[in-house]
Amino acid sequence: MPNIQQQKKRVGTAIRQRDENIRFRSTVKTLTKRLQSAVEAGDAAAIAAQHRTLVRWVDRAATTGAIHANTAARKKAQAARLVAGGSGS
């Protein structure tokens, strides 16, 4: 545990940032699973809605730095392949 006041504040900031990053990454995983179940169900409206939501969250996560830009691009490409009916894994 730090003794310096500024470092004590920095520890709290780092914890909050870590929690935010975990929230983004977890939500992206959840939305990917929802997209996959929508594709398996075959509902076109649900697929479009889930894909749009997933892409927005991935872009937001990359903008905030929760995931790397290349990781975001890869996840979006995987989602697009899944929607198109290719091998999404």
PDB file of N, CA and C in Angstrom:
ATOM      1  N   MET A   1       0.847  -1.184   0.000  1.00  0.00           N
ATOM      2  CA  MET A   1       0.000   0.000   0.000  1.00  0.00           C
ATOM      3  C   MET A   1       0.891   1.245   0.000  1.00  0.00           C
ATOM      4  N   PRO A   2       0.585   2.214  -0.842  1.00  0.00           N
ATOM      5  CA  PRO A   2       1.439   3.404  -0.917  1.00  0.00           C
ATOM      6  C   PRO A   2       1.271   4.309   0.302  1.00  0.00           C
ATOM      7  N   ASN A   3       2.338   5.046   0.600  1.00  0.00           N
ATOM      8  CA  ASN A   3       2.318   5.998   1.698  1.00  0.00           C
ATOM      9  C   ASN A   3       2.045   7.415   1.204  1.00  0.00           C
ATOM     10  N   ILE A   4       2.411   7.671  -0.029  1.00  0.00           N
ATOM     11  CA  ILE A   4       2.264   9.013  -0.589  1.00  0.00           C
ATOM     12  C   ILE A   4       0.808   9.242  -0.982  1.00  0.00           C
ATOM     13  N   GLN A   5       0.274  10.411  -0.650  1.00  0.00           N
ATOM     14  CA  GLN A   5      -1.147  10.714  -0.859  1.00  0.00           C
ATOM     15  C   GLN A   5      -1.544  10.587  -2.333  1.00  0.00           C
ATOM     16  N   GLN A   6      -0.720  11.122  -3.230  1.00  0.00           N
ATOM     17  CA  GLN A   6      -1.056  11.080  -4.658  1.00  0.00           C
ATOM     18  C   GLN A   6      -1.093   9.642  -5.164  1.00  0.00           C
ATOM     19  N   GLN A   7      -0.205   8.805  -4.651  1.00  0.00           N
ATOM     20  CA  GLN A   7      -0.204   7.418  -5.073  1.00  0.00           C
ATOM     21  C   GLN A   7      -1.426   6.666  -4.532  1.00  0.00           C
ATOM     22  N   LYS A   8      -1.899   7.081  -3.351  1.00  0.00           N
ATOM     23  CA  LYS A   8      -3.139   6.497  -2.833  1.00  0.00           C
ATOM     24  C   LYS A   8      -4.297   6.828  -3.758  1.00  0.00           C
ATOM     25  N   LYS A   9      -4.342   8.067  -4.235  1.00  0.00           N
ATOM     26  CA  LYS A   9      -5.395   8.473  -5.177  1.00  0.00           C
ATOM     27  C   LYS A   9      -5.259   7.698  -6.486  1.00  0.00           C
ATOM     28  N   ARG A  10      -4.014   7.516  -6.915  1.00  0.00           N
ATOM     29  CA  ARG A  10      -3.770   6.833  -8.189  1.00  0.00           C
ATOM     30  C   ARG A  10      -4.224   5.375  -8.137  1.00  0.00           C
ATOM     31  N   VAL A  11      -4.065   4.750  -6.973  1.00  0.00           N
ATOM     32  CA  VAL A  11      -4.522   3.370  -6.816  1.00  0.00           C
ATOM     33  C   VAL A  11      -6.036   3.298  -7.028  1.00  0.00           C
ATOM     34  N   GLY A  12      -6.769   4.250  -6.450  1.00  0.00           N
ATOM     35  CA  GLY A  12      -8.217   4.272  -6.638  1.00  0.00           C
ATOM     36  C   GLY A  12      -8.611   4.495  -8.076  1.00  0.00           C
ATOM     37  N   THR A  13      -7.893   5.389  -8.755  1.00  0.00           N
ATOM     38  CA  THR A  13      -8.160   5.648 -10.168  1.00  0.00           C
ATOM     39  C   THR A  13      -7.923   4.387 -11.001  1.00  0.00           C
ATOM     40  N   ALA A  14      -6.813   3.709 -10.717  1.00  0.00           N
ATOM     41  CA  ALA A  14      -6.479   2.493 -11.467  1.00  0.00           C
ATOM     42  C   ALA A  14      -7.542   1.415 -11.260  1.00  0.00           C
ATOM     43  N   ILE A  15      -8.057   1.299 -10.040  1.00  0.00           N
ATOM     44  CA  ILE A  15      -9.101   0.302  -9.764  1.00  0.00           C
ATOM     45  C   ILE A  15     -10.368   0.624 -10.552  1.00  0.00           C
ATOM     46  N   ARG A  16     -10.746   1.908 -10.564  1.00  0.00           N
ATOM     47  CA  ARG A  16     -11.948   2.297 -11.318  1.00  0.00           C
ATOM     48  C   ARG A  16     -11.762   2.049 -12.817  1.00  0.00           C
ATOM     49  N   GLN A  17     -10.591   2.365 -13.344  1.00  0.00           N
ATOM     50  CA  GLN A  17     -10.332   2.143 -14.768  1.00  0.00           C
ATOM     51  C   GLN A  17     -10.355   0.655 -15.105  1.00  0.00           C
ATOM     52  N   ARG A  18      -9.770  -0.155 -14.215  1.00  0.00           N
ATOM     53  CA  ARG A  18      -9.752  -1.603 -14.432  1.00  0.00           C
ATOM     54  C   ARG A  18     -11.178  -2.159 -14.463  1.00  0.00           C
ATOM     55  N   ASP A  19     -12.004  -1.708 -13.524  1.00  0.00           N
ATOM     56  CA  ASP A  19     -13.396  -2.165 -13.488  1.00  0.00           C
ATOM     57  C   ASP A  19     -14.133  -1.782 -14.766  1.00  0.00           C
ATOM     58  N   GLU A  20     -13.874  -0.579 -15.256  1.00  0.00           N
ATOM     59  CA  GLU A  20     -14.519  -0.122 -16.493  1.00  0.00           C
ATOM     60  C   GLU A  20     -14.074  -0.965 -17.682  1.00  0.00           C
ATOM     61  N   ASN A  21     -12.770  -1.273 -17.744  1.00  0.00           N
ATOM     62  CA  ASN A  21     -12.259  -2.097 -18.839  1.00  0.00           C
ATOM     63  C   ASN A  21     -12.857  -3.499 -18.792  1.00  0.00           C
ATOM     64  N   ILE A  22     -12.971  -4.051 -17.585  1.00  0.00           N
ATOM     65  CA  ILE A  22     -13.556  -5.384 -17.437  1.00  0.00           C
ATOM     66  C   ILE A  22     -15.020  -5.355 -17.882  1.00  0.00           C
ATOM     67  N   ARG A  23     -15.726  -4.278 -17.532  1.00  0.00           N
ATOM     68  CA  ARG A  23     -17.134  -4.158 -17.930  1.00  0.00           C
ATOM     69  C   ARG A  23     -17.266  -4.152 -19.455  1.00  0.00           C
ATOM     70  N   PHE A  24     -16.400  -3.401 -20.127  1.00  0.00           N
ATOM     71  CA  PHE A  24     -16.449  -3.361 -21.586  1.00  0.00           C
ATOM     72  C   PHE A  24     -16.153  -4.731 -22.190  1.00  0.00           C
ATOM     73  N   ARG A  25     -15.094  -5.375 -21.734  1.00  0.00           N
ATOM     74  CA  ARG A  25     -14.715  -6.663 -22.322  1.00  0.00           C
ATOM     75  C   ARG A  25     -15.782  -7.717 -22.059  1.00  0.00           C
ATOM     76  N   SER A  26     -16.350  -7.717 -20.861  1.00  0.00           N
ATOM     77  CA  SER A  26     -17.381  -8.685 -20.520  1.00  0.00           C
ATOM     78  C   SER A  26     -18.634  -8.472 -21.363  1.00  0.00           C
ATOM     79  N   THR A  27     -19.019  -7.209 -21.548  1.00  0.00           N
ATOM     80  CA  THR A  27     -20.215  -6.907 -22.337  1.00  0.00           C
ATOM     81  C   THR A  27     -20.025  -7.327 -23.785  1.00  0.00           C
ATOM     82  N   VAL A  28     -18.824  -7.114 -24.321  1.00  0.00           N
ATOM     83  CA  VAL A  28     -18.555  -7.523 -25.704  1.00  0.00           C
ATOM     84  C   VAL A  28     -18.696  -9.038 -25.835  1.00  0.00           C
ATOM     85  N   LYS A  29     -18.187  -9.781 -24.861  1.00  0.00           N
ATOM     86  CA  LYS A  29     -18.319 -11.243 -24.898  1.00  0.00           C
ATOM     87  C   LYS A  29     -19.784 -11.669 -24.831  1.00  0.00           C
ATOM     88  N   THR A  30     -20.544 -11.026 -23.943  1.00  0.00           N
ATOM     89  CA  THR A  30     -21.960 -11.357 -23.794  1.00  0.00           C
ATOM     90  C   THR A  30     -22.719 -11.072 -25.082  1.00  0.00           C
ATOM     91  N   LEU A  31     -22.452  -9.915 -25.686  1.00  0.00           N
ATOM     92  CA  LEU A  31     -23.154  -9.557 -26.911  1.00  0.00           C
ATOM     93  C   LEU A  31     -22.771 -10.479 -28.065  1.00  0.00           C
ATOM     94  N   THR A  32     -21.534 -10.960 -28.070  1.00  0.00           N
ATOM     95  CA  THR A  32     -21.120 -11.918 -29.101  1.00  0.00           C
ATOM     96  C   THR A  32     -21.909 -13.212 -28.952  1.00  0.00           C
ATOM     97  N   LYS A  33     -22.089 -13.664 -27.710  1.00  0.00           N
ATOM     98  CA  LYS A  33     -22.865 -14.889 -27.482  1.00  0.00           C
ATOM     99  C   LYS A  33     -24.326 -14.688 -27.891  1.00  0.00           C
ATOM    100  N   ARG A  34     -24.869 -13.498 -27.597  1.00  0.00           N
ATOM    101  CA  ARG A  34     -26.256 -13.218 -27.986  1.00  0.00           C
ATOM    102  C   ARG A  34     -26.399 -13.210 -29.511  1.00  0.00           C
ATOM    103  N   LEU A  35     -25.403 -12.646 -30.206  1.00  0.00           N
ATOM    104  CA  LEU A  35     -25.440 -12.635 -31.671  1.00  0.00           C
ATOM    105  C   LEU A  35     -25.398 -14.058 -32.198  1.00  0.00           C
ATOM    106  N   GLN A  36     -24.550 -14.880 -31.597  1.00  0.00           N
ATOM    107  CA  GLN A  36     -24.444 -16.264 -32.045  1.00  0.00           C
ATOM    108  C   GLN A  36     -25.766 -17.006 -31.844  1.00  0.00           C
ATOM    109  N   SER A  37     -26.439 -16.790 -30.707  1.00  0.00           N
ATOM    110  CA  SER A  37     -27.728 -17.467 -30.516  1.00  0.00           C
ATOM    111  C   SER A  37     -28.782 -16.936 -31.462  1.00  0.00           C
ATOM    112  N   ALA A  38     -28.724 -15.641 -31.797  1.00  0.00           N
ATOM    113  CA  ALA A  38     -29.678 -15.083 -32.760  1.00  0.00           C
ATOM    114  C   ALA A  38     -29.453 -15.686 -34.135  1.00  0.00           C
ATOM    115  N   VAL A  39     -28.186 -15.904 -34.508  1.00  0.00           N
ATOM    116  CA  VAL A  39     -27.881 -16.526 -35.804  1.00  0.00           C
ATOM    117  C   VAL A  39     -28.386 -17.965 -35.822  1.00  0.00           C
ATOM    118  N   GLU A  40     -28.199 -18.673 -34.712  1.00  0.00           N
ATOM    119  CA  GLU A  40     -28.681 -20.058 -34.650  1.00  0.00           C
ATOM    120  C   GLU A  40     -30.205 -20.118 -34.717  1.00  0.00           C
ATOM    121  N   ALA A  41     -30.874 -19.108 -34.123  1.00  0.00           N
ATOM    122  CA  ALA A  41     -32.335 -19.076 -34.168  1.00  0.00           C
ATOM    123  C   ALA A  41     -32.832 -18.686 -35.560  1.00  0.00           C
ATOM    124  N   GLY A  42     -32.054 -17.887 -36.278  1.00  0.00           N
ATOM    125  CA  GLY A  42     -32.399 -17.526 -37.648  1.00  0.00           C
ATOM    126  C   GLY A  42     -33.310 -16.323 -37.780  1.00  0.00           C
ATOM    127  N   ASP A  43     -33.500 -15.561 -36.717  1.00  0.00           N
ATOM    128  CA  ASP A  43     -34.361 -14.377 -36.763  1.00  0.00           C
ATOM    129  C   ASP A  43     -33.569 -13.199 -37.319  1.00  0.00           C
ATOM    130  N   ALA A  44     -33.924 -12.760 -38.527  1.00  0.00           N
ATOM    131  CA  ALA A  44     -33.150 -11.727 -39.222  1.00  0.00           C
ATOM    132  C   ALA A  44     -33.166 -10.394 -38.477  1.00  0.00           C
ATOM    133  N   ALA A  45     -34.307 -10.029 -37.914  1.00  0.00           N
ATOM    134  CA  ALA A  45     -34.395  -8.755 -37.188  1.00  0.00           C
ATOM    135  C   ALA A  45     -33.526  -8.785 -35.935  1.00  0.00           C
ATOM    136  N   ALA A  46     -33.559  -9.903 -35.224  1.00  0.00           N
ATOM    137  CA  ALA A  46     -32.738 -10.037 -34.017  1.00  0.00           C
ATOM    138  C   ALA A  46     -31.259 -10.044 -34.365  1.00  0.00           C
ATOM    139  N   ILE A  47     -30.909 -10.699 -35.466  1.00  0.00           N
ATOM    140  CA  ILE A  47     -29.509 -10.739 -35.900  1.00  0.00           C
ATOM    141  C   ILE A  47     -29.013  -9.328 -36.188  1.00  0.00           C
ATOM    142  N   ALA A  48     -29.805  -8.559 -36.934  1.00  0.00           N
ATOM    143  CA  ALA A  48     -29.401  -7.193 -37.282  1.00  0.00           C
ATOM    144  C   ALA A  48     -29.268  -6.324 -36.038  1.00  0.00           C
ATOM    145  N   ALA A  49     -30.202  -6.438 -35.123  1.00  0.00           N
ATOM    146  CA  ALA A  49     -30.162  -5.634 -33.901  1.00  0.00           C
ATOM    147  C   ALA A  49     -28.968  -6.013 -33.032  1.00  0.00           C
ATOM    148  N   GLN A  50     -28.728  -7.307 -32.857  1.00  0.00           N
ATOM    149  CA  GLN A  50     -27.606  -7.758 -32.031  1.00  0.00           C
ATOM    150  C   GLN A  50     -26.267  -7.371 -32.654  1.00  0.00           C
ATOM    151  N   HIS A  51     -26.173  -7.471 -33.981  1.00  0.00           N
ATOM    152  CA  HIS A  51     -24.931  -7.107 -34.664  1.00  0.00           C
ATOM    153  C   HIS A  51     -24.649  -5.619 -34.505  1.00  0.00           C
ATOM    154  N   ARG A  52     -25.675  -4.810 -34.681  1.00  0.00           N
ATOM    155  CA  ARG A  52     -25.513  -3.354 -34.538  1.00  0.00           C
ATOM    156  C   ARG A  52     -25.066  -2.998 -33.124  1.00  0.00           C
ATOM    157  N   THR A  53     -25.695  -3.623 -32.118  1.00  0.00           N
ATOM    158  CA  THR A  53     -25.334  -3.366 -30.728  1.00  0.00           C
ATOM    159  C   THR A  53     -23.896  -3.801 -30.447  1.00  0.00           C
ATOM    160  N   LEU A  54     -23.520  -4.972 -30.943  1.00  0.00           N
ATOM    161  CA  LEU A  54     -22.170  -5.477 -30.721  1.00  0.00           C
ATOM    162  C   LEU A  54     -21.125  -4.552 -31.329  1.00  0.00           C
ATOM    163  N   VAL A  55     -21.350  -4.109 -32.559  1.00  0.00           N
ATOM    164  CA  VAL A  55     -20.378  -3.240 -33.231  1.00  0.00           C
ATOM    165  C   VAL A  55     -20.235  -1.924 -32.474  1.00  0.00           C
ATOM    166  N   ARG A  56     -21.335  -1.380 -31.977  1.00  0.00           N
ATOM    167  CA  ARG A  56     -21.260  -0.137 -31.207  1.00  0.00           C
ATOM    168  C   ARG A  56     -20.426  -0.321 -29.944  1.00  0.00           C
ATOM    169  N   TRP A  57     -20.649  -1.423 -29.220  1.00  0.00           N
ATOM    170  CA  TRP A  57     -19.899  -1.659 -27.989  1.00  0.00           C
ATOM    171  C   TRP A  57     -18.423  -1.902 -28.274  1.00  0.00           C
ATOM    172  N   VAL A  58     -18.128  -2.621 -29.354  1.00  0.00           N
ATOM    173  CA  VAL A  58     -16.732  -2.886 -29.701  1.00  0.00           C
ATOM    174  C   VAL A  58     -16.031  -1.576 -30.044  1.00  0.00           C
ATOM    175  N   ASP A  59     -16.697  -0.728 -30.826  1.00  0.00           N
ATOM    176  CA  ASP A  59     -16.105   0.568 -31.165  1.00  0.00           C
ATOM    177  C   ASP A  59     -15.886   1.418 -29.922  1.00  0.00           C
ATOM    178  N   ARG A  60     -16.850   1.416 -29.027  1.00  0.00           N
ATOM    179  CA  ARG A  60     -16.733   2.211 -27.804  1.00  0.00           C
ATOM    180  C   ARG A  60     -15.597   1.675 -26.925  1.00  0.00           C
ATOM    181  N   ALA A  61     -15.473   0.357 -26.842  1.00  0.00           N
ATOM    182  CA  ALA A  61     -14.407  -0.246 -26.040  1.00  0.00           C
ATOM    183  C   ALA A  61     -13.038   0.099 -26.615  1.00  0.00           C
ATOM    184  N   ALA A  62     -12.925   0.108 -27.944  1.00  0.00           N
ATOM    185  CA  ALA A  62     -11.648   0.456 -28.567  1.00  0.00           C
ATOM    186  C   ALA A  62     -11.338   1.930 -28.384  1.00  0.00           C
ATOM    187  N   THR A  63     -12.348   2.780 -28.442  1.00  0.00           N
ATOM    188  CA  THR A  63     -12.137   4.218 -28.273  1.00  0.00           C
ATOM    189  C   THR A  63     -11.636   4.534 -26.870  1.00  0.00           C
ATOM    190  N   THR A  64     -12.194   3.868 -25.863  1.00  0.00           N
ATOM    191  CA  THR A  64     -11.786   4.136 -24.489  1.00  0.00           C
ATOM    192  C   THR A  64     -10.492   3.429 -24.128  1.00  0.00           C
ATOM    193  N   GLY A  65     -10.027   2.514 -24.965  1.00  0.00           N
ATOM    194  CA  GLY A  65      -8.778   1.811 -24.691  1.00  0.00           C
ATOM    195  C   GLY A  65      -8.964   0.524 -23.921  1.00  0.00           C
ATOM    196  N   ALA A  66     -10.205   0.083 -23.741  1.00  0.00           N
ATOM    197  CA  ALA A  66     -10.446  -1.171 -23.022  1.00  0.00           C
ATOM    198  C   ALA A  66      -9.932  -2.362 -23.831  1.00  0.00           C
ATOM    199  N   ILE A  67     -10.014  -2.268 -25.154  1.00  0.00           N
ATOM    200  CA  ILE A  67      -9.432  -3.285 -26.028  1.00  0.00           C
ATOM    201  C   ILE A  67      -8.616  -2.575 -27.101  1.00  0.00           C
ATOM    202  N   HIS A  68      -7.668  -3.272 -27.675  1.00  0.00           N
ATOM    203  CA  HIS A  68      -6.804  -2.709 -28.711  1.00  0.00           C
ATOM    204  C   HIS A  68      -7.604  -2.531 -29.998  1.00  0.00           C
ATOM    205  N   ALA A  69      -7.180  -1.586 -30.813  1.00  0.00           N
ATOM    206  CA  ALA A  69      -7.890  -1.293 -32.062  1.00  0.00           C
ATOM    207  C   ALA A  69      -7.917  -2.509 -32.988  1.00  0.00           C
ATOM    208  N   ASN A  70      -6.820  -3.251 -33.051  1.00  0.00           N
ATOM    209  CA  ASN A  70      -6.779  -4.437 -33.908  1.00  0.00           C
ATOM    210  C   ASN A  70      -7.691  -5.535 -33.367  1.00  0.00           C
ATOM    211  N   THR A  71      -7.793  -5.642 -32.067  1.00  0.00           N
ATOM    212  CA  THR A  71      -8.708  -6.609 -31.456  1.00  0.00           C
ATOM    213  C   THR A  71     -10.142  -6.246 -31.799  1.00  0.00           C
ATOM    214  N   ALA A  72     -10.446  -4.946 -31.760  1.00  0.00           N
ATOM    215  CA  ALA A  72     -11.794  -4.496 -32.110  1.00  0.00           C
ATOM    216  C   ALA A  72     -12.106  -4.838 -33.560  1.00  0.00           C
ATOM    217  N   ALA A  73     -11.155  -4.599 -34.444  1.00  0.00           N
ATOM    218  CA  ALA A  73     -11.362  -4.903 -35.862  1.00  0.00           C
ATOM    219  C   ALA A  73     -11.578  -6.395 -36.063  1.00  0.00           C
ATOM    220  N   ARG A  74     -10.808  -7.208 -35.338  1.00  0.00           N
ATOM    221  CA  ARG A  74     -10.952  -8.661 -35.462  1.00  0.00           C
ATOM    222  C   ARG A  74     -12.322  -9.120 -34.970  1.00  0.00           C
ATOM    223  N   LYS A  75     -12.776  -8.574 -33.844  1.00  0.00           N
ATOM    224  CA  LYS A  75     -14.082  -8.970 -33.306  1.00  0.00           C
ATOM    225  C   LYS A  75     -15.211  -8.553 -34.246  1.00  0.00           C
ATOM    226  N   LYS A  76     -15.086  -7.377 -34.847  1.00  0.00           N
ATOM    227  CA  LYS A  76     -16.112  -6.922 -35.785  1.00  0.00           C
ATOM    228  C   LYS A  76     -16.119  -7.789 -37.043  1.00  0.00           C
ATOM    229  N   ALA A  77     -14.937  -8.202 -37.496  1.00  0.00           N
ATOM    230  CA  ALA A  77     -14.858  -9.068 -38.677  1.00  0.00           C
ATOM    231  C   ALA A  77     -15.453 -10.443 -38.382  1.00  0.00           C
ATOM    232  N   GLN A  78     -15.179 -10.964 -37.183  1.00  0.00           N
ATOM    233  CA  GLN A  78     -15.759 -12.248 -36.793  1.00  0.00           C
ATOM    234  C   GLN A  78     -17.275 -12.168 -36.732  1.00  0.00           C
ATOM    235  N   ALA A  79     -17.783 -11.049 -36.215  1.00  0.00           N
ATOM    236  CA  ALA A  79     -19.236 -10.865 -36.131  1.00  0.00           C
ATOM    237  C   ALA A  79     -19.828 -10.779 -37.530  1.00  0.00           C
ATOM    238  N   ALA A  80     -19.149 -10.079 -38.428  1.00  0.00           N
ATOM    239  CA  ALA A  80     -19.655  -9.950 -39.799  1.00  0.00           C
ATOM    240  C   ALA A  80     -19.679 -11.313 -40.499  1.00  0.00           C
ATOM    241  N   ARG A  81     -18.642 -12.120 -40.261  1.00  0.00           N
ATOM    242  CA  ARG A  81     -18.624 -13.464 -40.852  1.00  0.00           C
ATOM    243  C   ARG A  81     -19.755 -14.312 -40.286  1.00  0.00           C
ATOM    244  N   LEU A  82     -20.024 -14.159 -38.999  1.00  0.00           N
ATOM    245  CA  LEU A  82     -21.095 -14.898 -38.349  1.00  0.00           C
ATOM    246  C   LEU A  82     -22.444 -14.528 -38.956  1.00  0.00           C
ATOM    247  N   VAL A  83     -22.649 -13.222 -39.163  1.00  0.00           N
ATOM    248  CA  VAL A  83     -23.905 -12.737 -39.745  1.00  0.00           C
ATOM    249  C   VAL A  83     -24.044 -13.217 -41.185  1.00  0.00           C
ATOM    250  N   ALA A  84     -22.912 -13.208 -41.914  1.00  0.00           N
ATOM    251  CA  ALA A  84     -22.953 -13.601 -43.327  1.00  0.00           C
ATOM    252  C   ALA A  84     -23.159 -15.105 -43.509  1.00  0.00           C
ATOM    253  N   GLY A  85     -22.976 -15.861 -42.423  1.00  0.00           N
ATOM    254  CA  GLY A  85     -23.220 -17.297 -42.505  1.00  0.00           C
ATOM    255  C   GLY A  85     -21.967 -18.104 -42.678  1.00  0.00           C
ATOM    256  N   GLY A  86     -20.780 -17.463 -42.581  1.00  0.00           N
ATOM    257  CA  GLY A  86     -19.527 -18.183 -42.695  1.00  0.00           C
ATOM    258  C   GLY A  86     -19.169 -18.855 -41.390  1.00  0.00           C
ATOM    259  N   SER A  87     -17.949 -19.323 -41.320  1.00  0.00           N
ATOM    260  CA  SER A  87     -17.487 -19.955 -40.075  1.00  0.00           C
ATOM    261  C   SER A  87     -17.115 -18.837 -39.114  1.00  0.00           C
ATOM    262  N   GLY A  88     -17.942 -18.587 -38.130  1.00  0.00           N
ATOM    263  CA  GLY A  88     -17.754 -17.475 -37.228  1.00  0.00           C
ATOM    264  C   GLY A  88     -16.761 -17.693 -36.124  1.00  0.00           C
ATOM    265  N   SER A  89     -16.192 -18.890 -36.036  1.00  0.00           N
ATOM    266  CA  SER A  89     -15.262 -19.127 -34.933  1.00  0.00           C
ATOM    267  C   SER A  89     -13.830 -18.996 -35.294  1.00  0.00           C
TER     268      SER A  89
END
